[in-house]
Amino acid sequence: MPSPEDDAVEEVHALVGEYEQFLSGKAEGTTEAYLRTVRHLIAWVAQLPGNARLFQPPQLTRTAVEQYLKHLEQEGLSLNHRARVKSTISNFAQFLIEEKRLLQRNPTRGIDLPPAPLPAPRQLSGEQRSLLRSLVEQDGDRRGAALFALGYWAGCRVSDVSWLQMADTHVGPQVGWLHVGYKGSKWRDIDLLDEARAALCVLASHSGHPTDLCVYLAAQ
């Protein structure tokens, strides 16, 4: 004869099965993610003190949800992940409220996660550019100045400089251009502004091995 504990486990399995039917209109990947989150949540709540290792829907309180989200944060899960988990719990709670009448109130209501940090700006401000140029000039390193010039005045990426070949470099006292890239669709020619060309010429004239200028830039 099944024990009360066995009956409770079967009830939870049946509840999750009904929730899966509730999600039938969602994409397969979304449904799997929701079910995975709900199963983990149920197992975690059942382990809380006083729950006797068994889950009952009334245990899904705001306090329990707050503790669960805090647990995920302590486990190192990202803010975006925790936001998705909160959304899933809210959906599960709506199922328990609307379909099963097992909850009176959505436990995620009133729980606010911190705002996502602003992404780093993709462009430097005028003040930042001026400060960066000043630091390079104060350092007085010719190689550093040349690398800075390739990025600042020529728009080269790190990969462009790393793969730069001497045959792709055409730098003279008056004009200069580079053939940069390392993938077929990424090759491009760059006409050098005087500021970039001058920095490369200075480096070449002091490196002692001007023919190895590109190798010197990339490897030193």
N, C-alpha and C. Protein backbone atom coordinates (compact mmCIF):
# COMPACT_ATOMS: atom_id res chain seq x y z
N MET A 1 0.85 -1.19 0.00
CA MET A 1 0.00 0.00 0.00
C MET A 1 0.89 1.24 0.00
N PRO A 2 0.64 2.18 -0.92
CA PRO A 2 1.50 3.36 -0.99
C PRO A 2 1.43 4.19 0.29
N SER A 3 2.58 4.73 0.67
CA SER A 3 2.64 5.58 1.86
C SER A 3 2.17 6.99 1.50
N PRO A 4 1.86 7.81 2.51
CA PRO A 4 1.49 9.20 2.24
C PRO A 4 2.56 9.96 1.47
N GLU A 5 3.83 9.61 1.76
CA GLU A 5 4.93 10.26 1.05
C GLU A 5 4.90 9.90 -0.44
N ASP A 6 4.63 8.60 -0.71
CA ASP A 6 4.54 8.17 -2.10
C ASP A 6 3.39 8.87 -2.82
N ASP A 7 2.29 9.02 -2.12
CA ASP A 7 1.13 9.70 -2.72
C ASP A 7 1.47 11.16 -3.03
N ALA A 8 2.21 11.80 -2.12
CA ALA A 8 2.58 13.20 -2.33
C ALA A 8 3.50 13.34 -3.54
N VAL A 9 4.43 12.41 -3.70
CA VAL A 9 5.34 12.44 -4.86
C VAL A 9 4.56 12.26 -6.15
N GLU A 10 3.62 11.34 -6.15
CA GLU A 10 2.81 11.12 -7.35
C GLU A 10 1.97 12.35 -7.68
N GLU A 11 1.48 13.03 -6.65
CA GLU A 11 0.70 14.25 -6.88
C GLU A 11 1.56 15.33 -7.53
N VAL A 12 2.81 15.42 -7.10
CA VAL A 12 3.71 16.40 -7.71
C VAL A 12 3.99 16.05 -9.17
N HIS A 13 4.24 14.77 -9.43
CA HIS A 13 4.47 14.34 -10.82
C HIS A 13 3.26 14.65 -11.69
N ALA A 14 2.08 14.39 -11.16
CA ALA A 14 0.86 14.68 -11.91
C ALA A 14 0.70 16.18 -12.13
N LEU A 15 1.05 16.97 -11.12
CA LEU A 15 0.94 18.42 -11.23
C LEU A 15 1.88 18.96 -12.31
N VAL A 16 3.10 18.45 -12.34
CA VAL A 16 4.05 18.88 -13.37
C VAL A 16 3.57 18.45 -14.75
N GLY A 17 2.97 17.27 -14.83
CA GLY A 17 2.42 16.82 -16.11
C GLY A 17 1.31 17.72 -16.60
N GLU A 18 0.45 18.16 -15.68
CA GLU A 18 -0.62 19.08 -16.06
C GLU A 18 -0.05 20.43 -16.46
N TYR A 19 1.00 20.86 -15.79
CA TYR A 19 1.64 22.13 -16.15
C TYR A 19 2.24 22.04 -17.55
N GLU A 20 2.80 20.88 -17.89
CA GLU A 20 3.33 20.68 -19.24
C GLU A 20 2.22 20.86 -20.28
N GLN A 21 1.03 20.35 -19.99
CA GLN A 21 -0.10 20.55 -20.90
C GLN A 21 -0.49 22.02 -20.98
N PHE A 22 -0.38 22.72 -19.87
CA PHE A 22 -0.66 24.15 -19.81
C PHE A 22 0.28 24.94 -20.73
N LEU A 23 1.49 24.39 -20.93
CA LEU A 23 2.51 25.05 -21.77
C LEU A 23 2.45 24.61 -23.23
N SER A 24 1.44 23.86 -23.60
CA SER A 24 1.42 23.22 -24.92
C SER A 24 1.52 24.21 -26.08
N GLY A 25 1.15 25.44 -25.87
CA GLY A 25 1.21 26.41 -26.96
C GLY A 25 2.58 27.02 -27.17
N LYS A 26 3.53 26.74 -26.30
CA LYS A 26 4.86 27.32 -26.39
C LYS A 26 5.78 26.42 -27.21
N ALA A 27 6.88 27.00 -27.67
CA ALA A 27 7.88 26.24 -28.44
C ALA A 27 8.47 25.13 -27.57
N GLU A 28 8.93 24.08 -28.23
CA GLU A 28 9.44 22.91 -27.50
C GLU A 28 10.59 23.28 -26.57
N GLY A 29 11.52 24.09 -27.08
CA GLY A 29 12.66 24.49 -26.25
C GLY A 29 12.24 25.31 -25.05
N THR A 30 11.26 26.18 -25.24
CA THR A 30 10.76 27.00 -24.12
C THR A 30 10.08 26.11 -23.08
N THR A 31 9.28 25.17 -23.55
CA THR A 31 8.60 24.25 -22.63
C THR A 31 9.60 23.46 -21.80
N GLU A 32 10.64 22.95 -22.45
CA GLU A 32 11.66 22.18 -21.74
C GLU A 32 12.36 23.03 -20.69
N ALA A 33 12.66 24.28 -21.04
CA ALA A 33 13.33 25.18 -20.10
C ALA A 33 12.42 25.49 -18.91
N TYR A 34 11.13 25.72 -19.16
CA TYR A 34 10.19 25.99 -18.08
C TYR A 34 10.08 24.78 -17.14
N LEU A 35 9.95 23.59 -17.71
CA LEU A 35 9.80 22.39 -16.89
C LEU A 35 11.07 22.12 -16.08
N ARG A 36 12.21 22.33 -16.69
CA ARG A 36 13.47 22.13 -15.98
C ARG A 36 13.56 23.07 -14.78
N THR A 37 13.18 24.32 -14.98
CA THR A 37 13.22 25.29 -13.89
C THR A 37 12.24 24.93 -12.79
N VAL A 38 11.02 24.55 -13.18
CA VAL A 38 9.99 24.22 -12.19
C VAL A 38 10.39 22.99 -11.38
N ARG A 39 10.95 21.98 -12.02
CA ARG A 39 11.37 20.78 -11.28
C ARG A 39 12.46 21.12 -10.28
N HIS A 40 13.40 21.96 -10.69
CA HIS A 40 14.47 22.37 -9.77
C HIS A 40 13.90 23.17 -8.62
N LEU A 41 12.99 24.07 -8.92
CA LEU A 41 12.34 24.88 -7.89
C LEU A 41 11.60 24.00 -6.88
N ILE A 42 10.82 23.05 -7.38
CA ILE A 42 10.04 22.17 -6.50
C ILE A 42 10.97 21.38 -5.58
N ALA A 43 12.06 20.84 -6.15
CA ALA A 43 13.00 20.07 -5.33
C ALA A 43 13.65 20.95 -4.28
N TRP A 44 13.95 22.19 -4.63
CA TRP A 44 14.61 23.10 -3.68
C TRP A 44 13.65 23.49 -2.56
N VAL A 45 12.42 23.83 -2.91
CA VAL A 45 11.43 24.23 -1.90
C VAL A 45 11.16 23.07 -0.95
N ALA A 46 11.11 21.86 -1.47
CA ALA A 46 10.83 20.69 -0.62
C ALA A 46 11.91 20.50 0.44
N GLN A 47 13.14 20.99 0.17
CA GLN A 47 14.24 20.82 1.11
C GLN A 47 14.25 21.89 2.21
N LEU A 48 13.39 22.89 2.09
CA LEU A 48 13.38 23.95 3.11
C LEU A 48 12.92 23.40 4.46
N PRO A 49 13.41 23.97 5.55
CA PRO A 49 13.00 23.50 6.88
C PRO A 49 11.48 23.55 7.06
N GLY A 50 10.93 22.48 7.59
CA GLY A 50 9.51 22.41 7.84
C GLY A 50 8.69 21.81 6.72
N ASN A 51 9.33 21.55 5.57
CA ASN A 51 8.57 21.01 4.43
C ASN A 51 8.68 19.50 4.29
N ALA A 52 9.46 18.89 5.18
CA ALA A 52 9.55 17.42 5.25
C ALA A 52 9.90 16.78 3.91
N ARG A 53 10.69 17.48 3.11
CA ARG A 53 11.15 16.97 1.82
C ARG A 53 10.01 16.70 0.84
N LEU A 54 8.88 17.31 1.06
CA LEU A 54 7.72 17.15 0.18
C LEU A 54 7.24 18.53 -0.26
N PHE A 55 6.83 18.64 -1.51
CA PHE A 55 6.36 19.92 -2.03
C PHE A 55 4.85 19.99 -2.02
N GLN A 56 4.36 21.12 -1.52
CA GLN A 56 2.94 21.44 -1.59
C GLN A 56 2.83 22.85 -2.16
N PRO A 57 1.93 23.11 -3.11
CA PRO A 57 1.83 24.43 -3.72
C PRO A 57 1.77 25.60 -2.75
N PRO A 58 1.07 25.51 -1.59
CA PRO A 58 1.05 26.64 -0.65
C PRO A 58 2.43 27.03 -0.13
N GLN A 59 3.42 26.12 -0.28
CA GLN A 59 4.78 26.44 0.16
C GLN A 59 5.45 27.46 -0.76
N LEU A 60 4.85 27.68 -1.91
CA LEU A 60 5.44 28.60 -2.89
C LEU A 60 5.03 30.03 -2.52
N THR A 61 5.68 30.55 -1.50
CA THR A 61 5.40 31.89 -0.99
C THR A 61 6.39 32.90 -1.57
N ARG A 62 6.10 34.15 -1.35
CA ARG A 62 7.03 35.18 -1.79
C ARG A 62 8.38 35.02 -1.12
N THR A 63 8.37 34.70 0.17
CA THR A 63 9.63 34.50 0.90
C THR A 63 10.43 33.36 0.29
N ALA A 64 9.75 32.26 -0.04
CA ALA A 64 10.44 31.12 -0.64
C ALA A 64 11.05 31.49 -1.98
N VAL A 65 10.31 32.25 -2.79
CA VAL A 65 10.83 32.66 -4.10
C VAL A 65 12.03 33.59 -3.92
N GLU A 66 11.94 34.52 -2.99
CA GLU A 66 13.06 35.43 -2.74
C GLU A 66 14.31 34.65 -2.31
N GLN A 67 14.11 33.66 -1.45
CA GLN A 67 15.24 32.83 -1.00
C GLN A 67 15.81 32.03 -2.16
N TYR A 68 14.95 31.53 -3.02
CA TYR A 68 15.40 30.73 -4.16
C TYR A 68 16.23 31.58 -5.12
N LEU A 69 15.75 32.78 -5.42
CA LEU A 69 16.50 33.67 -6.31
C LEU A 69 17.83 34.08 -5.69
N LYS A 70 17.83 34.28 -4.37
CA LYS A 70 19.08 34.59 -3.68
C LYS A 70 20.04 33.41 -3.75
N HIS A 71 19.50 32.21 -3.63
CA HIS A 71 20.32 30.99 -3.75
C HIS A 71 20.97 30.91 -5.13
N LEU A 72 20.20 31.21 -6.17
CA LEU A 72 20.75 31.19 -7.53
C LEU A 72 21.86 32.23 -7.69
N GLU A 73 21.66 33.39 -7.08
CA GLU A 73 22.70 34.43 -7.14
C GLU A 73 23.98 33.95 -6.46
N GLN A 74 23.84 33.32 -5.31
CA GLN A 74 25.00 32.80 -4.59
C GLN A 74 25.70 31.69 -5.36
N GLU A 75 24.94 30.98 -6.19
CA GLU A 75 25.52 29.94 -7.03
C GLU A 75 26.24 30.52 -8.24
N GLY A 76 26.17 31.83 -8.40
CA GLY A 76 26.89 32.49 -9.48
C GLY A 76 26.12 32.62 -10.77
N LEU A 77 24.81 32.38 -10.74
CA LEU A 77 24.01 32.50 -11.95
C LEU A 77 23.73 33.96 -12.26
N SER A 78 23.72 34.28 -13.54
CA SER A 78 23.66 35.66 -13.98
C SER A 78 22.31 36.31 -13.69
N LEU A 79 22.30 37.62 -13.75
CA LEU A 79 21.06 38.37 -13.57
C LEU A 79 20.04 38.00 -14.64
N ASN A 80 20.49 37.84 -15.87
CA ASN A 80 19.57 37.45 -16.94
C ASN A 80 18.95 36.09 -16.68
N HIS A 81 19.75 35.16 -16.18
CA HIS A 81 19.22 33.83 -15.87
C HIS A 81 18.18 33.93 -14.75
N ARG A 82 18.49 34.68 -13.72
CA ARG A 82 17.55 34.82 -12.61
C ARG A 82 16.26 35.50 -13.04
N ALA A 83 16.37 36.44 -13.97
CA ALA A 83 15.16 37.08 -14.49
C ALA A 83 14.29 36.08 -15.24
N ARG A 84 14.93 35.18 -16.00
CA ARG A 84 14.16 34.14 -16.71
C ARG A 84 13.51 33.18 -15.72
N VAL A 85 14.23 32.85 -14.66
CA VAL A 85 13.68 31.97 -13.63
C VAL A 85 12.47 32.62 -12.97
N LYS A 86 12.59 33.89 -12.64
CA LYS A 86 11.47 34.59 -12.01
C LYS A 86 10.24 34.59 -12.93
N SER A 87 10.48 34.81 -14.23
CA SER A 87 9.38 34.79 -15.19
C SER A 87 8.73 33.41 -15.25
N THR A 88 9.55 32.35 -15.21
CA THR A 88 9.02 30.99 -15.22
C THR A 88 8.20 30.71 -13.97
N ILE A 89 8.71 31.13 -12.81
CA ILE A 89 7.97 30.91 -11.56
C ILE A 89 6.63 31.65 -11.62
N SER A 90 6.64 32.85 -12.16
CA SER A 90 5.39 33.60 -12.30
C SER A 90 4.39 32.85 -13.17
N ASN A 91 4.88 32.27 -14.26
CA ASN A 91 4.01 31.50 -15.15
C ASN A 91 3.46 30.26 -14.44
N PHE A 92 4.31 29.57 -13.69
CA PHE A 92 3.88 28.38 -12.95
C PHE A 92 2.85 28.76 -11.89
N ALA A 93 3.08 29.92 -11.24
CA ALA A 93 2.13 30.37 -10.23
C ALA A 93 0.78 30.69 -10.85
N GLN A 94 0.79 31.29 -12.04
CA GLN A 94 -0.47 31.57 -12.71
C GLN A 94 -1.24 30.28 -13.02
N PHE A 95 -0.50 29.25 -13.38
CA PHE A 95 -1.11 27.94 -13.60
C PHE A 95 -1.75 27.43 -12.31
N LEU A 96 -1.04 27.54 -11.20
CA LEU A 96 -1.56 27.08 -9.92
C LEU A 96 -2.77 27.89 -9.47
N ILE A 97 -2.80 29.18 -9.87
CA ILE A 97 -3.92 30.04 -9.49
C ILE A 97 -5.13 29.81 -10.38
N GLU A 98 -4.89 29.89 -11.70
CA GLU A 98 -6.01 29.89 -12.64
C GLU A 98 -6.54 28.50 -12.96
N GLU A 99 -5.65 27.54 -13.07
CA GLU A 99 -6.06 26.20 -13.48
C GLU A 99 -6.35 25.26 -12.31
N LYS A 100 -5.59 25.42 -11.23
CA LYS A 100 -5.69 24.46 -10.12
C LYS A 100 -6.31 25.05 -8.86
N ARG A 101 -6.41 26.36 -8.79
CA ARG A 101 -6.95 27.01 -7.59
C ARG A 101 -6.20 26.59 -6.32
N LEU A 102 -4.88 26.46 -6.45
CA LEU A 102 -4.06 26.02 -5.33
C LEU A 102 -3.26 27.17 -4.70
N LEU A 103 -3.28 28.32 -5.36
CA LEU A 103 -2.64 29.52 -4.82
C LEU A 103 -3.63 30.68 -4.90
N GLN A 104 -3.47 31.63 -3.99
CA GLN A 104 -4.33 32.81 -3.98
C GLN A 104 -3.64 34.00 -4.64
N ARG A 105 -2.32 34.01 -4.60
CA ARG A 105 -1.58 35.20 -5.04
C ARG A 105 -0.27 34.76 -5.68
N ASN A 106 0.11 35.46 -6.74
CA ASN A 106 1.37 35.15 -7.41
C ASN A 106 2.54 35.56 -6.51
N PRO A 107 3.39 34.62 -6.09
CA PRO A 107 4.46 34.93 -5.14
C PRO A 107 5.58 35.78 -5.72
N THR A 108 5.63 35.95 -7.03
CA THR A 108 6.67 36.79 -7.62
C THR A 108 6.29 38.27 -7.61
N ARG A 109 5.03 38.56 -7.30
CA ARG A 109 4.58 39.95 -7.31
C ARG A 109 5.32 40.74 -6.22
N GLY A 110 5.87 41.87 -6.61
CA GLY A 110 6.60 42.71 -5.66
C GLY A 110 8.06 42.37 -5.52
N ILE A 111 8.52 41.31 -6.18
CA ILE A 111 9.95 40.95 -6.13
C ILE A 111 10.64 41.64 -7.31
N ASP A 112 11.57 42.51 -7.00
CA ASP A 112 12.29 43.26 -8.02
C ASP A 112 13.75 42.83 -8.05
N LEU A 113 14.22 42.45 -9.22
CA LEU A 113 15.64 42.16 -9.40
C LEU A 113 16.36 43.47 -9.73
N PRO A 114 17.65 43.55 -9.40
CA PRO A 114 18.39 44.78 -9.73
C PRO A 114 18.43 44.99 -11.23
N PRO A 115 18.48 46.24 -11.68
CA PRO A 115 18.54 46.49 -13.12
C PRO A 115 19.83 45.93 -13.71
N ALA A 116 19.74 45.53 -14.96
CA ALA A 116 20.93 45.01 -15.64
C ALA A 116 21.94 46.13 -15.82
N PRO A 117 23.23 45.85 -15.61
CA PRO A 117 24.25 46.89 -15.78
C PRO A 117 24.29 47.37 -17.22
N LEU A 118 24.56 48.65 -17.38
CA LEU A 118 24.63 49.21 -18.72
C LEU A 118 25.84 48.63 -19.45
N PRO A 119 25.70 48.28 -20.72
CA PRO A 119 26.85 47.77 -21.46
C PRO A 119 27.90 48.85 -21.65
N ALA A 120 29.13 48.41 -21.77
CA ALA A 120 30.22 49.37 -21.99
C ALA A 120 30.00 50.10 -23.31
N PRO A 121 30.26 51.39 -23.34
CA PRO A 121 30.05 52.13 -24.59
C PRO A 121 30.95 51.61 -25.70
N ARG A 122 30.40 51.54 -26.90
CA ARG A 122 31.17 51.05 -28.04
C ARG A 122 32.04 52.15 -28.65
N GLN A 123 31.78 53.40 -28.29
CA GLN A 123 32.57 54.51 -28.77
C GLN A 123 33.07 55.32 -27.59
N LEU A 124 34.31 55.80 -27.70
CA LEU A 124 34.87 56.64 -26.65
C LEU A 124 34.34 58.06 -26.81
N SER A 125 34.14 58.72 -25.69
CA SER A 125 33.75 60.12 -25.74
C SER A 125 34.95 60.97 -26.16
N GLY A 126 34.69 62.21 -26.50
CA GLY A 126 35.79 63.10 -26.87
C GLY A 126 36.80 63.25 -25.76
N GLU A 127 36.31 63.34 -24.52
CA GLU A 127 37.21 63.46 -23.37
C GLU A 127 38.05 62.20 -23.20
N GLN A 128 37.44 61.02 -23.40
CA GLN A 128 38.17 59.76 -23.27
C GLN A 128 39.24 59.64 -24.35
N ARG A 129 38.89 60.04 -25.57
CA ARG A 129 39.89 59.98 -26.66
C ARG A 129 41.06 60.90 -26.38
N SER A 130 40.77 62.10 -25.90
CA SER A 130 41.84 63.05 -25.59
C SER A 130 42.74 62.53 -24.49
N LEU A 131 42.15 61.93 -23.46
CA LEU A 131 42.94 61.38 -22.36
C LEU A 131 43.80 60.22 -22.84
N LEU A 132 43.25 59.35 -23.68
CA LEU A 132 44.01 58.22 -24.18
C LEU A 132 45.20 58.67 -25.01
N ARG A 133 44.98 59.64 -25.87
CA ARG A 133 46.09 60.17 -26.68
C ARG A 133 47.16 60.79 -25.81
N SER A 134 46.76 61.49 -24.77
CA SER A 134 47.73 62.12 -23.87
C SER A 134 48.57 61.07 -23.16
N LEU A 135 47.94 59.99 -22.72
CA LEU A 135 48.67 58.93 -22.02
C LEU A 135 49.69 58.28 -22.93
N VAL A 136 49.32 58.04 -24.20
CA VAL A 136 50.25 57.44 -25.15
C VAL A 136 51.43 58.37 -25.40
N GLU A 137 51.15 59.66 -25.55
CA GLU A 137 52.24 60.62 -25.79
C GLU A 137 53.17 60.72 -24.58
N GLN A 138 52.60 60.70 -23.38
CA GLN A 138 53.41 60.80 -22.18
C GLN A 138 54.29 59.57 -21.99
N ASP A 139 53.80 58.41 -22.43
CA ASP A 139 54.56 57.18 -22.26
C ASP A 139 55.85 57.19 -23.07
N GLY A 140 55.79 57.79 -24.25
CA GLY A 140 56.98 57.93 -25.07
C GLY A 140 57.48 56.66 -25.72
N ASP A 141 56.68 55.60 -25.74
CA ASP A 141 57.08 54.33 -26.35
C ASP A 141 56.69 54.33 -27.83
N ARG A 142 57.67 54.14 -28.71
CA ARG A 142 57.39 54.22 -30.15
C ARG A 142 56.47 53.10 -30.61
N ARG A 143 56.72 51.90 -30.11
CA ARG A 143 55.86 50.78 -30.49
C ARG A 143 54.43 51.01 -30.02
N GLY A 144 54.29 51.46 -28.76
CA GLY A 144 52.96 51.75 -28.25
C GLY A 144 52.26 52.83 -29.06
N ALA A 145 53.04 53.85 -29.46
CA ALA A 145 52.46 54.93 -30.27
C ALA A 145 52.01 54.40 -31.63
N ALA A 146 52.80 53.47 -32.22
CA ALA A 146 52.44 52.92 -33.53
C ALA A 146 51.19 52.05 -33.42
N LEU A 147 51.13 51.23 -32.39
CA LEU A 147 49.94 50.39 -32.19
C LEU A 147 48.71 51.25 -31.95
N PHE A 148 48.89 52.29 -31.14
CA PHE A 148 47.78 53.20 -30.89
C PHE A 148 47.32 53.87 -32.19
N ALA A 149 48.29 54.28 -33.01
CA ALA A 149 47.95 54.95 -34.27
C ALA A 149 47.18 54.02 -35.20
N LEU A 150 47.57 52.73 -35.22
CA LEU A 150 46.87 51.78 -36.09
C LEU A 150 45.42 51.60 -35.64
N GLY A 151 45.20 51.62 -34.34
CA GLY A 151 43.83 51.49 -33.86
C GLY A 151 43.05 52.78 -33.94
N TYR A 152 43.69 53.88 -33.53
CA TYR A 152 42.98 55.16 -33.41
C TYR A 152 42.80 55.85 -34.75
N TRP A 153 43.88 55.88 -35.55
CA TRP A 153 43.84 56.63 -36.81
C TRP A 153 43.50 55.76 -38.02
N ALA A 154 43.73 54.44 -37.90
CA ALA A 154 43.47 53.56 -39.05
C ALA A 154 42.31 52.60 -38.81
N GLY A 155 41.82 52.52 -37.59
CA GLY A 155 40.67 51.66 -37.31
C GLY A 155 41.00 50.18 -37.32
N CYS A 156 42.26 49.82 -37.10
CA CYS A 156 42.65 48.40 -37.11
C CYS A 156 42.22 47.72 -35.82
N ARG A 157 41.80 46.47 -35.95
CA ARG A 157 41.51 45.64 -34.79
C ARG A 157 42.77 44.91 -34.35
N VAL A 158 42.70 44.31 -33.18
CA VAL A 158 43.85 43.55 -32.68
C VAL A 158 44.21 42.43 -33.66
N SER A 159 43.20 41.75 -34.19
CA SER A 159 43.46 40.66 -35.14
C SER A 159 44.12 41.19 -36.41
N ASP A 160 43.77 42.41 -36.81
CA ASP A 160 44.39 42.98 -38.01
C ASP A 160 45.89 43.12 -37.83
N VAL A 161 46.30 43.64 -36.67
CA VAL A 161 47.73 43.83 -36.41
C VAL A 161 48.43 42.51 -36.22
N SER A 162 47.75 41.56 -35.57
CA SER A 162 48.37 40.25 -35.31
C SER A 162 48.71 39.51 -36.60
N TRP A 163 47.87 39.69 -37.63
CA TRP A 163 48.06 38.97 -38.89
C TRP A 163 48.73 39.83 -39.96
N LEU A 164 49.15 41.01 -39.59
CA LEU A 164 49.73 41.93 -40.57
C LEU A 164 51.05 41.38 -41.11
N GLN A 165 51.18 41.36 -42.43
CA GLN A 165 52.39 40.89 -43.10
C GLN A 165 53.12 42.07 -43.74
N MET A 166 54.44 41.93 -43.85
CA MET A 166 55.23 43.02 -44.42
C MET A 166 54.78 43.33 -45.84
N ALA A 167 54.41 42.29 -46.58
CA ALA A 167 53.99 42.49 -47.97
C ALA A 167 52.69 43.28 -48.06
N ASP A 168 51.96 43.33 -46.96
CA ASP A 168 50.68 44.05 -46.95
C ASP A 168 50.83 45.48 -46.46
N THR A 169 52.08 45.89 -46.18
CA THR A 169 52.33 47.21 -45.61
C THR A 169 53.06 48.08 -46.63
N HIS A 170 52.49 49.23 -46.88
CA HIS A 170 53.07 50.16 -47.86
C HIS A 170 53.10 51.55 -47.21
N VAL A 171 54.22 51.82 -46.54
CA VAL A 171 54.34 53.05 -45.78
C VAL A 171 55.55 53.82 -46.26
N GLY A 172 55.35 55.06 -46.67
CA GLY A 172 56.43 55.91 -47.12
C GLY A 172 56.38 57.27 -46.46
N PRO A 173 57.33 58.15 -46.80
CA PRO A 173 57.38 59.49 -46.19
C PRO A 173 56.13 60.33 -46.47
N GLN A 174 55.47 60.09 -47.61
CA GLN A 174 54.35 60.94 -47.99
C GLN A 174 53.00 60.22 -47.97
N VAL A 175 52.97 58.96 -48.35
CA VAL A 175 51.71 58.23 -48.43
C VAL A 175 51.88 56.85 -47.80
N GLY A 176 50.75 56.21 -47.50
CA GLY A 176 50.82 54.85 -46.96
C GLY A 176 49.46 54.20 -46.94
N TRP A 177 49.49 52.88 -47.06
CA TRP A 177 48.25 52.13 -46.95
C TRP A 177 48.56 50.72 -46.48
N LEU A 178 47.55 50.05 -45.93
CA LEU A 178 47.69 48.69 -45.40
C LEU A 178 46.65 47.79 -46.04
N HIS A 179 47.03 46.54 -46.23
CA HIS A 179 46.11 45.50 -46.65
C HIS A 179 45.96 44.57 -45.45
N VAL A 180 44.81 44.64 -44.76
CA VAL A 180 44.67 43.93 -43.49
C VAL A 180 43.53 42.93 -43.55
N GLY A 181 43.57 41.99 -42.59
CA GLY A 181 42.55 40.96 -42.49
C GLY A 181 43.17 39.59 -42.43
N TYR A 182 42.38 38.61 -42.01
CA TYR A 182 42.90 37.24 -41.95
C TYR A 182 41.86 36.23 -42.40
N LYS A 183 40.69 36.68 -42.82
CA LYS A 183 39.68 35.80 -43.38
C LYS A 183 39.28 36.35 -44.74
N GLY A 184 38.87 35.45 -45.60
CA GLY A 184 38.55 35.86 -46.96
C GLY A 184 37.59 37.03 -47.06
N SER A 185 36.57 37.03 -46.19
CA SER A 185 35.57 38.08 -46.28
C SER A 185 35.94 39.32 -45.47
N LYS A 186 37.11 39.28 -44.80
CA LYS A 186 37.48 40.38 -43.92
C LYS A 186 38.60 41.23 -44.48
N TRP A 187 39.16 40.86 -45.62
CA TRP A 187 40.26 41.62 -46.18
C TRP A 187 39.79 43.01 -46.57
N ARG A 188 40.60 44.00 -46.31
CA ARG A 188 40.28 45.35 -46.74
C ARG A 188 41.54 46.18 -46.80
N ASP A 189 41.52 47.19 -47.62
CA ASP A 189 42.64 48.12 -47.77
C ASP A 189 42.32 49.40 -46.98
N ILE A 190 43.32 49.90 -46.28
CA ILE A 190 43.14 51.10 -45.47
C ILE A 190 44.16 52.14 -45.90
N ASP A 191 43.70 53.28 -46.37
CA ASP A 191 44.58 54.42 -46.63
C ASP A 191 44.93 55.06 -45.30
N LEU A 192 46.22 55.21 -45.06
CA LEU A 192 46.66 55.71 -43.76
C LEU A 192 46.63 57.24 -43.71
N LEU A 193 46.05 57.76 -42.68
CA LEU A 193 46.15 59.19 -42.41
C LEU A 193 47.60 59.51 -42.03
N ASP A 194 47.94 60.76 -42.14
CA ASP A 194 49.32 61.16 -41.85
C ASP A 194 49.74 60.77 -40.43
N GLU A 195 48.80 60.86 -39.47
CA GLU A 195 49.15 60.55 -38.09
C GLU A 195 49.55 59.08 -37.93
N ALA A 196 48.84 58.17 -38.60
CA ALA A 196 49.18 56.75 -38.52
C ALA A 196 50.47 56.46 -39.29
N ARG A 197 50.59 57.03 -40.49
CA ARG A 197 51.77 56.80 -41.31
C ARG A 197 53.03 57.31 -40.62
N ALA A 198 52.94 58.49 -39.99
CA ALA A 198 54.10 59.07 -39.33
C ALA A 198 54.55 58.21 -38.15
N ALA A 199 53.60 57.69 -37.36
CA ALA A 199 53.96 56.86 -36.22
C ALA A 199 54.66 55.58 -36.67
N LEU A 200 54.22 54.99 -37.78
CA LEU A 200 54.87 53.78 -38.29
C LEU A 200 56.25 54.09 -38.84
N CYS A 201 56.40 55.23 -39.50
CA CYS A 201 57.71 55.60 -40.03
C CYS A 201 58.71 55.84 -38.91
N VAL A 202 58.27 56.49 -37.84
CA VAL A 202 59.16 56.72 -36.70
C VAL A 202 59.61 55.40 -36.10
N LEU A 203 58.68 54.47 -35.94
CA LEU A 203 59.03 53.17 -35.38
C LEU A 203 60.01 52.44 -36.29
N ALA A 204 59.77 52.48 -37.60
CA ALA A 204 60.64 51.79 -38.54
C ALA A 204 62.04 52.35 -38.52
N SER A 205 62.14 53.65 -38.40
CA SER A 205 63.47 54.28 -38.44
C SER A 205 64.26 54.02 -37.18
N HIS A 206 63.63 53.64 -36.09
CA HIS A 206 64.33 53.40 -34.83
C HIS A 206 64.39 51.92 -34.44
N SER A 207 63.70 51.08 -35.18
CA SER A 207 63.66 49.67 -34.78
C SER A 207 64.93 48.93 -35.14
N GLY A 208 65.69 49.43 -36.08
CA GLY A 208 66.89 48.74 -36.51
C GLY A 208 66.61 47.66 -37.54
N HIS A 209 65.37 47.27 -37.69
CA HIS A 209 64.98 46.25 -38.65
C HIS A 209 63.68 46.69 -39.33
N PRO A 210 63.74 47.77 -40.11
CA PRO A 210 62.51 48.28 -40.72
C PRO A 210 61.78 47.28 -41.58
N THR A 211 62.51 46.31 -42.16
CA THR A 211 61.81 45.33 -43.00
C THR A 211 60.99 44.36 -42.16
N ASP A 212 61.29 44.30 -40.87
CA ASP A 212 60.55 43.42 -39.98
C ASP A 212 59.55 44.20 -39.13
N LEU A 213 59.13 45.36 -39.61
CA LEU A 213 58.29 46.23 -38.83
C LEU A 213 56.99 45.55 -38.39
N CYS A 214 56.35 44.82 -39.28
CA CYS A 214 55.06 44.20 -38.95
C CYS A 214 55.24 43.11 -37.90
N VAL A 215 56.30 42.31 -38.06
CA VAL A 215 56.58 41.28 -37.08
C VAL A 215 56.88 41.93 -35.73
N TYR A 216 57.60 43.01 -35.77
CA TYR A 216 57.95 43.74 -34.55
C TYR A 216 56.71 44.26 -33.85
N LEU A 217 55.79 44.79 -34.62
CA LEU A 217 54.55 45.31 -34.05
C LEU A 217 53.74 44.20 -33.39
N ALA A 218 53.61 43.08 -34.07
CA ALA A 218 52.72 42.02 -33.61
C ALA A 218 53.29 41.20 -32.47
N ALA A 219 54.59 41.02 -32.46
CA ALA A 219 55.18 40.02 -31.56
C ALA A 219 55.92 40.60 -30.37
N GLN A 220 56.39 41.83 -30.43
CA GLN A 220 57.22 42.33 -29.35
C GLN A 220 56.41 42.65 -28.10
